[in-house]
N, C-alpha and C. Protein backbone atom coordinates (compact mmCIF):
# COMPACT_ATOMS: atom_id res chain seq x y z
N MET A 1 -14.95 7.01 19.25
CA MET A 1 -15.10 6.25 17.99
C MET A 1 -15.05 4.55 17.49
N GLU A 2 -15.87 4.05 17.94
CA GLU A 2 -16.27 2.20 18.23
C GLU A 2 -15.52 1.74 16.56
N LEU A 3 -14.25 1.53 16.66
CA LEU A 3 -13.87 0.90 15.78
C LEU A 3 -13.66 -0.96 16.03
N ARG A 4 -13.60 -1.46 14.80
CA ARG A 4 -13.34 -2.86 15.13
C ARG A 4 -12.48 -3.25 14.37
N TYR A 5 -10.94 -3.85 14.73
CA TYR A 5 -10.11 -3.93 13.91
C TYR A 5 -9.71 -6.03 13.13
N GLU A 6 -9.61 -6.25 12.37
CA GLU A 6 -9.54 -7.79 12.20
C GLU A 6 -8.09 -7.69 11.45
N LYS A 7 -7.39 -9.01 11.46
CA LYS A 7 -6.50 -9.35 10.64
C LYS A 7 -6.80 -10.92 9.69
N TYR A 8 -6.01 -10.99 8.76
CA TYR A 8 -6.42 -11.68 7.73
C TYR A 8 -5.07 -12.11 7.61
N ARG A 9 -4.82 -13.67 7.34
CA ARG A 9 -3.54 -13.65 6.67
C ARG A 9 -3.74 -14.80 5.32
N GLY A 10 -2.92 -14.28 4.21
CA GLY A 10 -2.64 -15.16 3.39
C GLY A 10 -3.97 -15.64 2.90
N ALA A 11 -4.53 -16.51 2.30
CA ALA A 11 -5.64 -17.45 1.98
C ALA A 11 -6.64 -16.61 2.20
N ALA A 12 -6.99 -16.03 3.72
CA ALA A 12 -7.68 -15.73 4.33
C ALA A 12 -8.59 -14.31 3.60
N PHE A 13 -7.51 -13.85 2.59
CA PHE A 13 -7.84 -12.42 2.30
C PHE A 13 -8.73 -12.98 1.42
N ARG A 14 -8.99 -14.06 0.63
CA ARG A 14 -9.86 -14.10 -0.39
C ARG A 14 -11.36 -13.73 0.41
N THR A 15 -11.85 -14.19 2.04
CA THR A 15 -12.62 -14.02 2.25
C THR A 15 -13.34 -12.64 2.06
N VAL A 16 -12.21 -11.67 2.00
CA VAL A 16 -13.13 -10.34 2.00
C VAL A 16 -12.58 -9.71 0.76
N PHE A 17 -12.50 -10.15 0.01
CA PHE A 17 -11.97 -9.65 -1.31
C PHE A 17 -12.34 -8.47 -2.22
N GLU A 18 -13.74 -8.58 -1.99
CA GLU A 18 -15.15 -7.46 -2.28
C GLU A 18 -15.07 -5.83 -1.92
N PRO A 19 -14.73 -6.62 -0.48
CA PRO A 19 -15.15 -4.97 0.64
C PRO A 19 -13.62 -4.57 0.26
N LEU A 20 -12.41 -5.34 0.10
CA LEU A 20 -11.22 -4.69 -0.01
C LEU A 20 -11.17 -4.06 -1.12
N ALA A 21 -11.56 -4.56 -2.42
CA ALA A 21 -11.47 -4.35 -3.79
C ALA A 21 -12.10 -2.69 -3.82
N ALA A 22 -13.51 -2.62 -3.49
CA ALA A 22 -14.05 -1.75 -3.34
C ALA A 22 -13.84 -0.52 -2.59
N LEU A 23 -12.75 -0.94 -1.40
CA LEU A 23 -12.47 0.37 -0.46
C LEU A 23 -11.33 1.25 -1.53
N ARG A 24 -10.56 0.12 -2.17
CA ARG A 24 -9.25 0.44 -2.69
C ARG A 24 -10.00 1.50 -3.62
N ILE A 25 -10.71 0.92 -4.71
CA ILE A 25 -11.33 1.85 -5.74
C ILE A 25 -11.42 3.22 -5.24
N ARG A 26 -12.34 3.04 -4.10
CA ARG A 26 -12.91 4.31 -3.75
C ARG A 26 -11.81 5.50 -2.91
N VAL A 27 -10.62 4.82 -2.18
CA VAL A 27 -9.77 5.89 -1.84
C VAL A 27 -9.06 6.18 -2.94
N PHE A 28 -8.51 5.56 -3.73
CA PHE A 28 -7.49 5.60 -4.81
C PHE A 28 -7.96 6.62 -5.86
N ARG A 29 -9.29 6.63 -5.97
CA ARG A 29 -9.62 7.74 -6.62
C ARG A 29 -9.41 9.01 -6.68
N ASP A 30 -8.96 9.57 -5.39
CA ASP A 30 -8.33 10.69 -5.10
C ASP A 30 -6.72 10.79 -5.10
N PHE A 31 -6.72 12.29 -5.38
CA PHE A 31 -5.37 12.94 -5.38
C PHE A 31 -4.50 12.37 -4.56
N PRO A 32 -2.76 11.56 -4.74
CA PRO A 32 -2.66 11.70 -6.12
C PRO A 32 -2.99 10.37 -6.95
N TYR A 33 -3.36 9.62 -6.78
CA TYR A 33 -3.94 8.28 -7.42
C TYR A 33 -4.68 8.44 -8.47
N LEU A 34 -5.83 9.07 -8.16
CA LEU A 34 -6.88 9.42 -9.45
C LEU A 34 -6.95 7.87 -10.77
N TYR A 35 -7.06 6.63 -9.00
CA TYR A 35 -7.19 5.73 -9.95
C TYR A 35 -8.82 5.22 -10.43
N GLU A 36 -8.84 5.02 -11.99
CA GLU A 36 -10.34 4.47 -11.90
C GLU A 36 -10.13 3.22 -12.25
N GLY A 37 -10.67 2.39 -11.01
CA GLY A 37 -10.36 1.17 -11.02
C GLY A 37 -11.85 0.10 -11.51
N THR A 38 -11.03 -0.78 -11.98
CA THR A 38 -12.01 -2.10 -12.30
C THR A 38 -11.91 -3.16 -11.19
N LEU A 39 -13.27 -3.86 -11.22
CA LEU A 39 -13.29 -4.75 -9.68
C LEU A 39 -12.45 -6.05 -10.31
N ASP A 40 -12.27 -6.04 -11.33
CA ASP A 40 -11.59 -7.93 -12.12
C ASP A 40 -10.02 -7.14 -12.00
N TYR A 41 -9.35 -6.08 -12.09
CA TYR A 41 -8.02 -5.81 -11.75
C TYR A 41 -7.93 -6.09 -10.29
N GLU A 42 -8.70 -5.40 -9.74
CA GLU A 42 -8.38 -5.20 -7.83
C GLU A 42 -8.16 -7.20 -7.88
N LEU A 43 -9.36 -7.74 -8.18
CA LEU A 43 -9.55 -9.39 -7.26
C LEU A 43 -8.24 -10.23 -8.00
N GLU A 44 -7.38 -9.54 -9.11
CA GLU A 44 -6.29 -10.18 -10.14
C GLU A 44 -4.94 -9.62 -8.94
N TYR A 45 -5.26 -8.46 -8.54
CA TYR A 45 -4.21 -7.66 -7.71
C TYR A 45 -4.36 -8.67 -6.05
N LEU A 46 -5.08 -8.40 -5.74
CA LEU A 46 -5.14 -8.84 -4.42
C LEU A 46 -5.06 -10.64 -4.13
N ASP A 47 -5.08 -11.50 -5.37
CA ASP A 47 -4.83 -12.72 -5.27
C ASP A 47 -3.12 -12.58 -5.12
N THR A 48 -2.63 -12.21 -5.34
CA THR A 48 -1.20 -12.18 -5.13
C THR A 48 -1.00 -12.33 -3.82
N TYR A 49 -1.59 -11.14 -2.89
CA TYR A 49 -1.49 -11.58 -1.57
C TYR A 49 -2.12 -12.86 -1.05
N ALA A 50 -3.12 -13.22 -1.40
CA ALA A 50 -3.97 -14.34 -1.06
C ALA A 50 -2.93 -15.56 -1.24
N GLN A 51 -2.21 -15.62 -2.25
CA GLN A 51 -1.05 -16.68 -2.61
C GLN A 51 -0.01 -16.99 -1.42
N ALA A 52 0.25 -15.52 -0.74
CA ALA A 52 1.33 -15.67 0.14
C ALA A 52 1.03 -16.11 1.40
N GLU A 53 1.68 -16.85 1.99
CA GLU A 53 1.43 -17.39 3.48
C GLU A 53 1.65 -15.97 4.54
N ARG A 54 2.84 -15.09 4.06
CA ARG A 54 3.14 -14.59 5.23
C ARG A 54 2.65 -13.19 4.98
N ALA A 55 1.40 -13.07 3.96
CA ALA A 55 0.73 -11.50 3.68
C ALA A 55 -0.13 -11.40 4.82
N LEU A 56 -0.34 -9.96 5.07
CA LEU A 56 -0.97 -9.29 6.34
C LEU A 56 -2.51 -8.56 5.53
N LEU A 57 -3.12 -8.82 5.88
CA LEU A 57 -4.26 -7.76 5.85
C LEU A 57 -4.96 -6.99 7.38
N PHE A 58 -4.69 -5.79 7.74
CA PHE A 58 -5.23 -5.74 9.14
C PHE A 58 -6.14 -4.71 8.27
N ALA A 59 -7.14 -4.97 8.56
CA ALA A 59 -8.86 -4.00 8.31
C ALA A 59 -9.68 -3.11 9.67
N VAL A 60 -10.24 -2.41 9.02
CA VAL A 60 -10.67 -1.27 10.15
C VAL A 60 -12.14 -1.59 9.93
N TYR A 61 -13.26 -2.00 10.71
CA TYR A 61 -14.57 -1.83 10.28
C TYR A 61 -15.42 -0.52 11.52
N ASP A 62 -16.14 0.03 10.74
CA ASP A 62 -17.16 0.54 11.51
C ASP A 62 -18.68 -0.45 11.19
N GLY A 63 -18.86 -1.14 12.22
CA GLY A 63 -20.26 -2.12 12.46
C GLY A 63 -19.67 -2.56 11.17
N GLN A 64 -20.62 -3.38 10.35
CA GLN A 64 -20.06 -4.42 9.37
C GLN A 64 -19.55 -4.16 8.27
N LYS A 65 -19.09 -2.63 8.03
CA LYS A 65 -18.45 -1.81 7.05
C LYS A 65 -16.94 -1.66 7.14
N MET A 66 -16.10 -2.38 5.83
CA MET A 66 -14.91 -1.91 5.88
C MET A 66 -14.33 -0.67 5.64
N VAL A 67 -13.76 -0.01 6.26
CA VAL A 67 -13.67 1.87 6.35
C VAL A 67 -11.93 1.80 5.78
N GLY A 68 -11.38 1.07 6.36
CA GLY A 68 -9.66 1.24 6.21
C GLY A 68 -9.20 -0.28 6.32
N ALA A 69 -8.00 -0.17 5.77
CA ALA A 69 -7.21 -1.14 5.27
C ALA A 69 -5.52 -1.11 5.39
N THR A 70 -5.22 -2.25 5.90
CA THR A 70 -3.14 -1.90 5.14
C THR A 70 -3.04 -3.33 4.84
N THR A 71 -2.21 -3.28 4.09
CA THR A 71 -1.63 -5.24 3.75
C THR A 71 -0.04 -4.72 3.37
N CYS A 72 0.67 -6.22 3.95
CA CYS A 72 1.89 -6.16 3.55
C CYS A 72 1.95 -7.30 3.55
N ILE A 73 3.40 -7.95 2.58
CA ILE A 73 3.82 -8.94 1.73
C ILE A 73 5.26 -9.25 1.73
N PRO A 74 5.99 -10.32 1.72
CA PRO A 74 7.69 -10.45 1.62
C PRO A 74 7.33 -10.20 0.48
N LEU A 75 9.06 -9.43 -0.02
CA LEU A 75 9.09 -9.00 -1.30
C LEU A 75 9.08 -9.94 -2.22
N ALA A 76 9.87 -11.15 -1.99
CA ALA A 76 9.92 -12.44 -2.54
C ALA A 76 8.55 -12.92 -2.92
N ASN A 77 7.87 -12.68 -2.63
CA ASN A 77 6.05 -13.09 -2.93
C ASN A 77 5.34 -11.67 -3.75
N GLU A 78 6.46 -10.75 -3.86
CA GLU A 78 5.30 -10.05 -4.63
C GLU A 78 5.55 -10.09 -6.26
N THR A 79 5.05 -9.09 -7.11
CA THR A 79 5.25 -9.21 -8.64
C THR A 79 6.56 -8.78 -8.96
N PRO A 80 6.79 -9.09 -10.44
CA PRO A 80 8.43 -9.10 -10.98
C PRO A 80 8.39 -7.00 -10.81
N ASP A 81 7.22 -6.59 -11.44
CA ASP A 81 7.38 -5.02 -11.41
C ASP A 81 7.87 -4.58 -10.14
N VAL A 82 7.69 -5.33 -8.83
CA VAL A 82 7.86 -4.36 -7.70
C VAL A 82 9.44 -5.10 -6.85
N GLN A 83 9.53 -6.23 -7.71
CA GLN A 83 10.89 -6.96 -7.57
C GLN A 83 12.33 -6.23 -8.13
N LYS A 84 12.15 -6.06 -9.07
CA LYS A 84 12.74 -5.33 -10.34
C LYS A 84 14.07 -4.28 -9.49
N PRO A 85 13.78 -3.12 -9.29
CA PRO A 85 14.08 -2.45 -8.67
C PRO A 85 15.53 -2.93 -7.54
N PHE A 86 14.52 -3.47 -6.77
CA PHE A 86 15.99 -3.81 -5.68
C PHE A 86 16.46 -4.85 -6.05
N LEU A 87 15.93 -5.98 -7.19
CA LEU A 87 17.25 -6.41 -7.78
C LEU A 87 18.28 -5.94 -8.24
N LYS A 88 17.61 -5.01 -9.04
CA LYS A 88 19.25 -4.32 -9.64
C LYS A 88 20.02 -3.67 -8.55
N ALA A 89 19.34 -2.77 -7.56
CA ALA A 89 20.10 -2.08 -6.25
C ALA A 89 20.93 -3.11 -5.59
N GLY A 90 20.53 -4.63 -5.59
CA GLY A 90 21.48 -5.80 -5.09
C GLY A 90 20.85 -5.96 -3.78
N TYR A 91 19.81 -5.56 -3.38
CA TYR A 91 18.94 -6.26 -2.25
C TYR A 91 18.29 -7.72 -2.35
N HIS A 92 18.32 -8.45 -1.57
CA HIS A 92 18.09 -9.60 -1.30
C HIS A 92 16.50 -9.73 -0.98
N LEU A 93 15.90 -10.55 -2.03
CA LEU A 93 14.54 -10.17 -1.74
C LEU A 93 13.83 -10.73 -0.55
N GLU A 94 14.70 -11.79 -0.09
CA GLU A 94 14.15 -12.40 1.68
C GLU A 94 14.26 -11.68 2.40
N GLU A 95 14.89 -10.70 2.01
CA GLU A 95 15.22 -9.70 3.46
C GLU A 95 14.68 -8.18 3.66
N VAL A 96 13.42 -8.44 2.42
CA VAL A 96 12.99 -6.92 2.38
C VAL A 96 10.98 -7.11 2.80
N PHE A 97 10.56 -6.94 3.53
CA PHE A 97 9.25 -6.43 3.56
C PHE A 97 8.30 -5.47 2.90
N TYR A 98 7.35 -5.92 2.18
CA TYR A 98 7.17 -4.67 1.48
C TYR A 98 5.65 -4.85 1.77
N PHE A 99 5.42 -3.36 2.17
CA PHE A 99 4.11 -2.74 2.76
C PHE A 99 3.02 -2.14 1.42
N GLY A 100 1.88 -2.62 1.28
CA GLY A 100 0.96 -2.30 -0.01
C GLY A 100 0.42 -1.02 0.64
N GLU A 101 -0.93 -1.22 0.28
CA GLU A 101 -1.61 0.08 0.68
C GLU A 101 -2.16 0.53 1.94
N SER A 102 -2.45 1.51 2.51
CA SER A 102 -3.17 2.35 3.32
C SER A 102 -3.80 3.13 3.22
N ILE A 103 -5.59 2.42 3.17
CA ILE A 103 -6.50 3.32 3.15
C ILE A 103 -7.45 3.29 4.32
N LEU A 104 -7.94 4.70 3.80
CA LEU A 104 -8.66 5.00 5.05
C LEU A 104 -10.00 6.07 4.33
N LEU A 105 -11.06 5.89 4.81
CA LEU A 105 -12.08 6.98 4.34
C LEU A 105 -12.04 8.25 4.78
N GLN A 106 -12.15 9.03 4.25
CA GLN A 106 -12.09 10.35 4.35
C GLN A 106 -11.89 10.55 6.18
N GLN A 107 -13.19 9.96 6.57
CA GLN A 107 -14.03 10.83 7.92
C GLN A 107 -13.37 10.12 9.16
N TYR A 108 -12.38 9.02 8.94
CA TYR A 108 -11.82 8.70 9.95
C TYR A 108 -10.24 8.55 10.29
N ARG A 109 -9.94 9.43 9.33
CA ARG A 109 -8.56 10.14 9.67
C ARG A 109 -8.63 10.91 10.23
N GLY A 110 -6.52 11.13 11.04
CA GLY A 110 -6.95 12.26 12.01
C GLY A 110 -7.36 11.78 13.31
N HIS A 111 -7.38 10.22 13.33
CA HIS A 111 -7.55 9.32 14.81
C HIS A 111 -5.99 8.65 14.82
N GLY A 112 -4.98 8.71 14.53
CA GLY A 112 -3.88 7.82 14.77
C GLY A 112 -4.09 6.16 14.09
N ILE A 113 -4.93 5.91 13.14
CA ILE A 113 -5.21 5.13 12.76
C ILE A 113 -3.81 4.93 11.00
N GLY A 114 -3.34 5.75 10.92
CA GLY A 114 -2.24 5.73 9.61
C GLY A 114 -1.15 5.32 10.68
N HIS A 115 -0.92 5.96 12.19
CA HIS A 115 0.12 4.86 12.95
C HIS A 115 0.08 3.76 13.38
N LEU A 116 -0.89 3.11 13.54
CA LEU A 116 -1.49 2.10 13.82
C LEU A 116 -1.13 1.21 12.77
N PHE A 117 -1.54 1.46 11.40
CA PHE A 117 -1.28 0.72 9.99
C PHE A 117 0.28 0.52 9.70
N PHE A 118 1.18 1.56 10.29
CA PHE A 118 2.43 1.30 10.29
C PHE A 118 2.94 0.44 11.57
N ASP A 119 2.21 0.65 12.82
CA ASP A 119 2.73 -0.59 14.10
C ASP A 119 2.40 -1.79 13.59
N GLU A 120 1.32 -2.18 13.69
CA GLU A 120 0.96 -3.34 12.89
C GLU A 120 1.76 -3.92 11.93
N ARG A 121 1.83 -3.33 10.86
CA ARG A 121 2.61 -4.16 9.80
C ARG A 121 4.44 -3.96 10.11
N GLU A 122 4.82 -3.25 11.05
CA GLU A 122 6.14 -3.46 11.30
C GLU A 122 6.28 -4.78 12.04
N ALA A 123 5.57 -4.61 12.87
CA ALA A 123 5.39 -5.98 13.87
C ALA A 123 5.55 -7.26 13.43
N HIS A 124 4.34 -7.39 12.22
CA HIS A 124 4.39 -8.27 11.52
C HIS A 124 5.65 -9.04 11.08
N ALA A 125 6.02 -7.79 10.30
CA ALA A 125 7.41 -8.39 9.52
C ALA A 125 8.58 -8.42 10.61
N ALA A 126 8.30 -8.12 11.82
CA ALA A 126 9.75 -8.15 12.48
C ALA A 126 9.24 -9.60 13.14
N SER A 127 8.50 -9.92 13.52
CA SER A 127 7.65 -11.40 14.27
C SER A 127 8.29 -12.39 13.33
N PHE A 128 8.81 -12.36 12.16
CA PHE A 128 9.67 -13.66 11.24
C PHE A 128 10.91 -13.31 11.87
N GLY A 129 11.48 -12.37 12.23
CA GLY A 129 13.23 -12.26 12.64
C GLY A 129 13.88 -12.65 11.33
N THR A 130 13.48 -12.51 10.41
CA THR A 130 14.73 -12.49 8.89
C THR A 130 14.74 -11.58 8.55
N TYR A 131 14.16 -10.05 8.27
CA TYR A 131 13.62 -9.70 7.27
C TYR A 131 14.59 -8.18 7.87
N ARG A 132 15.42 -7.99 7.15
CA ARG A 132 16.45 -6.30 7.33
C ARG A 132 15.84 -5.09 7.33
N PHE A 133 14.64 -4.65 6.29
CA PHE A 133 14.45 -3.82 5.62
C PHE A 133 12.39 -3.98 5.66
N THR A 134 11.73 -2.74 5.76
CA THR A 134 10.72 -2.61 5.15
C THR A 134 10.04 -1.43 4.13
N CYS A 135 9.41 -1.39 3.31
CA CYS A 135 9.57 -0.45 2.38
C CYS A 135 7.79 -0.54 1.87
N PHE A 136 7.65 0.52 1.24
CA PHE A 136 6.56 1.00 0.36
C PHE A 136 6.85 1.54 -0.56
N CYS A 137 5.60 2.20 -1.93
CA CYS A 137 5.85 2.98 -2.70
C CYS A 137 4.57 4.07 -2.67
N ALA A 138 5.07 5.02 -3.69
CA ALA A 138 4.42 6.01 -3.64
C ALA A 138 4.37 6.85 -5.14
N VAL A 139 2.85 7.19 -5.19
CA VAL A 139 3.32 7.06 -6.85
C VAL A 139 4.05 9.17 -7.34
N ASP A 140 4.54 9.06 -7.94
CA ASP A 140 5.35 10.33 -8.41
C ASP A 140 4.83 11.61 -8.99
N ARG A 141 3.81 12.43 -8.80
CA ARG A 141 2.87 13.50 -9.30
C ARG A 141 3.71 14.91 -9.45
N ALA A 142 3.50 15.58 -11.04
CA ALA A 142 3.95 16.53 -10.58
C ALA A 142 3.06 17.76 -9.97
N GLU A 143 4.34 18.40 -9.32
CA GLU A 143 3.89 19.66 -8.24
C GLU A 143 2.56 20.18 -9.14
N ASN A 144 2.84 20.75 -10.19
CA ASN A 144 1.86 21.50 -10.89
C ASN A 144 0.64 20.64 -11.32
N HIS A 145 0.07 19.73 -11.61
CA HIS A 145 -0.83 18.39 -12.18
C HIS A 145 -1.68 19.12 -12.17
N PRO A 146 -2.67 19.32 -12.79
CA PRO A 146 -3.96 20.37 -13.03
C PRO A 146 -5.17 19.73 -12.41
N LEU A 147 -5.11 18.14 -11.32
CA LEU A 147 -6.10 17.80 -10.65
C LEU A 147 -5.49 17.83 -9.10
N ARG A 148 -4.10 18.39 -8.75
CA ARG A 148 -3.86 18.48 -7.81
C ARG A 148 -4.94 19.63 -6.48
N PRO A 149 -5.60 19.08 -5.35
CA PRO A 149 -6.01 19.66 -4.53
C PRO A 149 -5.14 21.25 -4.25
N GLU A 150 -6.03 22.55 -3.86
CA GLU A 150 -5.66 23.27 -3.47
C GLU A 150 -5.85 22.95 -1.81
N GLY A 151 -4.10 22.94 -1.40
CA GLY A 151 -3.64 22.90 -0.13
C GLY A 151 -3.35 21.77 0.06
N TYR A 152 -3.31 20.80 -0.84
CA TYR A 152 -3.01 19.10 -0.65
C TYR A 152 -1.65 19.27 -0.06
N ARG A 153 -1.26 18.29 0.76
CA ARG A 153 0.07 18.36 1.77
C ARG A 153 0.42 17.09 1.71
N PRO A 154 1.11 16.61 0.60
CA PRO A 154 1.93 14.81 0.55
C PRO A 154 2.65 14.51 2.22
N LEU A 155 2.55 13.24 2.27
CA LEU A 155 2.49 12.61 3.04
C LEU A 155 3.66 12.46 4.14
N ASP A 156 4.73 12.82 3.09
CA ASP A 156 6.48 12.81 3.31
C ASP A 156 6.46 13.24 4.85
N ALA A 157 6.23 14.18 5.34
CA ALA A 157 6.71 14.04 6.74
C ALA A 157 5.94 13.66 7.58
N PHE A 158 5.36 12.82 7.39
CA PHE A 158 4.53 11.51 8.19
C PHE A 158 5.41 10.44 8.14
N TRP A 159 5.95 10.21 6.73
CA TRP A 159 6.21 9.18 6.67
C TRP A 159 8.10 9.25 6.96
N MET A 160 8.63 10.20 6.96
CA MET A 160 9.63 10.80 7.33
C MET A 160 9.90 10.30 8.67
N GLN A 161 9.04 11.06 9.75
CA GLN A 161 8.82 10.49 11.07
C GLN A 161 8.45 9.00 11.47
N ARG A 162 8.01 8.37 10.59
CA ARG A 162 8.09 7.20 11.08
C ARG A 162 9.47 6.30 10.74
N GLY A 163 10.19 7.14 10.33
CA GLY A 163 11.59 6.57 10.04
C GLY A 163 12.05 6.27 8.82
N TYR A 164 11.16 6.62 7.46
CA TYR A 164 11.57 6.14 6.40
C TYR A 164 12.28 6.74 5.84
N LEU A 165 12.89 6.59 4.42
CA LEU A 165 13.52 7.72 3.89
C LEU A 165 13.41 7.08 2.55
N LYS A 166 13.41 8.28 1.48
CA LYS A 166 12.68 8.16 -0.20
C LYS A 166 14.07 7.92 -0.60
N GLU A 167 13.81 6.64 -1.53
CA GLU A 167 15.03 6.50 -2.13
C GLU A 167 14.94 6.56 -3.75
N PRO A 168 14.94 7.70 -4.73
CA PRO A 168 15.08 7.87 -5.71
C PRO A 168 15.22 6.85 -6.55
N THR A 169 16.16 6.05 -6.54
CA THR A 169 16.80 5.34 -7.29
C THR A 169 15.90 4.01 -7.00
N LEU A 170 15.31 3.72 -6.78
CA LEU A 170 14.37 2.91 -6.33
C LEU A 170 13.05 2.58 -7.06
N VAL A 171 12.48 2.61 -8.65
CA VAL A 171 11.26 3.02 -8.77
C VAL A 171 10.91 2.00 -9.66
N SER A 172 9.69 1.64 -9.46
CA SER A 172 8.87 0.85 -10.43
C SER A 172 7.98 1.59 -11.27
N GLN A 173 7.28 1.53 -12.48
CA GLN A 173 6.08 1.55 -12.75
C GLN A 173 5.14 1.06 -13.09
N PHE A 174 4.14 1.14 -12.52
CA PHE A 174 2.36 0.69 -13.03
C PHE A 174 1.71 1.74 -13.65
N THR A 175 0.96 0.77 -14.01
CA THR A 175 0.20 1.34 -15.45
C THR A 175 -1.38 1.10 -15.03
N TRP A 176 -2.15 2.45 -14.98
CA TRP A 176 -3.49 2.51 -14.44
C TRP A 176 -4.31 3.61 -15.55
N PRO A 177 -5.39 3.16 -15.37
CA PRO A 177 -6.34 4.57 -15.85
C PRO A 177 -6.51 5.59 -14.90
N ASP A 178 -5.60 7.05 -15.48
CA ASP A 178 -6.61 8.16 -14.97
C ASP A 178 -7.96 8.25 -15.09
N LEU A 179 -8.82 8.65 -13.84
CA LEU A 179 -10.17 9.50 -13.74
C LEU A 179 -10.24 9.84 -15.48
N GLY A 180 -11.57 9.07 -15.67
CA GLY A 180 -12.07 9.71 -16.74
C GLY A 180 -11.11 9.08 -18.39
N GLU A 181 -10.18 8.33 -17.86
CA GLU A 181 -9.38 7.46 -18.95
C GLU A 181 -10.31 5.69 -19.13
N SER A 182 -9.90 5.63 -20.49
CA SER A 182 -9.95 4.14 -20.91
C SER A 182 -8.88 3.43 -20.66
N THR A 183 -8.24 3.66 -21.02
CA THR A 183 -6.63 3.28 -21.20
C THR A 183 -5.45 3.48 -20.00
N GLY A 184 -5.02 2.46 -19.43
CA GLY A 184 -3.94 2.69 -18.59
C GLY A 184 -2.76 3.98 -19.61
N THR A 185 -1.86 4.65 -18.75
CA THR A 185 -0.74 4.82 -18.44
C THR A 185 0.37 4.51 -17.21
N ALA A 186 1.62 4.61 -18.02
CA ALA A 186 2.61 4.28 -16.95
C ALA A 186 2.79 5.58 -15.78
N LYS A 187 2.78 5.29 -14.50
CA LYS A 187 3.39 6.11 -13.61
C LYS A 187 4.31 5.96 -13.06
N ASN A 188 5.29 6.15 -12.70
CA ASN A 188 6.43 6.50 -11.40
C ASN A 188 6.15 6.09 -10.20
N MET A 189 6.62 4.98 -9.72
CA MET A 189 6.43 4.26 -8.38
C MET A 189 7.53 4.62 -7.49
N ILE A 190 7.77 5.46 -6.48
CA ILE A 190 9.11 5.65 -5.60
C ILE A 190 8.94 4.79 -4.19
N TYR A 191 10.07 4.30 -4.03
CA TYR A 191 10.24 3.52 -2.66
C TYR A 191 10.71 4.20 -1.61
N TRP A 192 10.13 3.89 -0.36
CA TRP A 192 10.66 4.56 0.61
C TRP A 192 11.03 3.39 1.45
N ILE A 193 12.41 3.20 2.25
CA ILE A 193 12.67 2.07 2.87
C ILE A 193 13.05 2.57 4.50
N LYS A 194 13.06 1.55 5.27
CA LYS A 194 13.44 2.00 6.46
C LYS A 194 14.50 0.38 7.10
N PRO A 195 15.60 0.66 7.43
CA PRO A 195 15.95 -0.84 7.98
C PRO A 195 15.01 -1.30 9.35
N MET A 196 15.19 -2.53 10.06
CA MET A 196 14.90 -2.83 10.59
C MET A 196 15.46 -3.06 11.57
N PRO A 197 14.69 -2.61 13.10
CA PRO A 197 15.50 -2.22 14.62
C PRO A 197 16.31 -3.44 14.46
């Protein structure tokens, strides 16, 4: 598979807002997110990253088509909803680098790109020499959720292999409409965190 990788920082995000937003909507329709996304919401969400000088987008292309992407941003530049549990737990925002989405179309999975996404984000955070932790969050869905696919395997083992620990006390609530819904409902997002080497 011959893929191309591109990096975008800060304001450069705006040059690929639409393909990135479309990719997020497509991938997050799957369990566990079940996200009924809209382009307007996506563009507003992504603008947070475009405003942050240290934010990074690492994108994967097959030809001219964006097929995967991952983002990261200093926690100090994230929204209050993301910052709140860390402030409550006594973290200093300027010491934490937050990892946003890792999204990849199904047919490109299983080739090590998930590890590459972590490698790139961790190296970017380390390049500044000022951060003590990296973190990300994942939606908390019930084991018996009616739309959970048969044989679904969460990524917990992969994340633990990467050195991340789940911190159930660090929880944000994000609101979005599930598939087929017109109004959003709040979902618990639980954080995973790792000390920098």
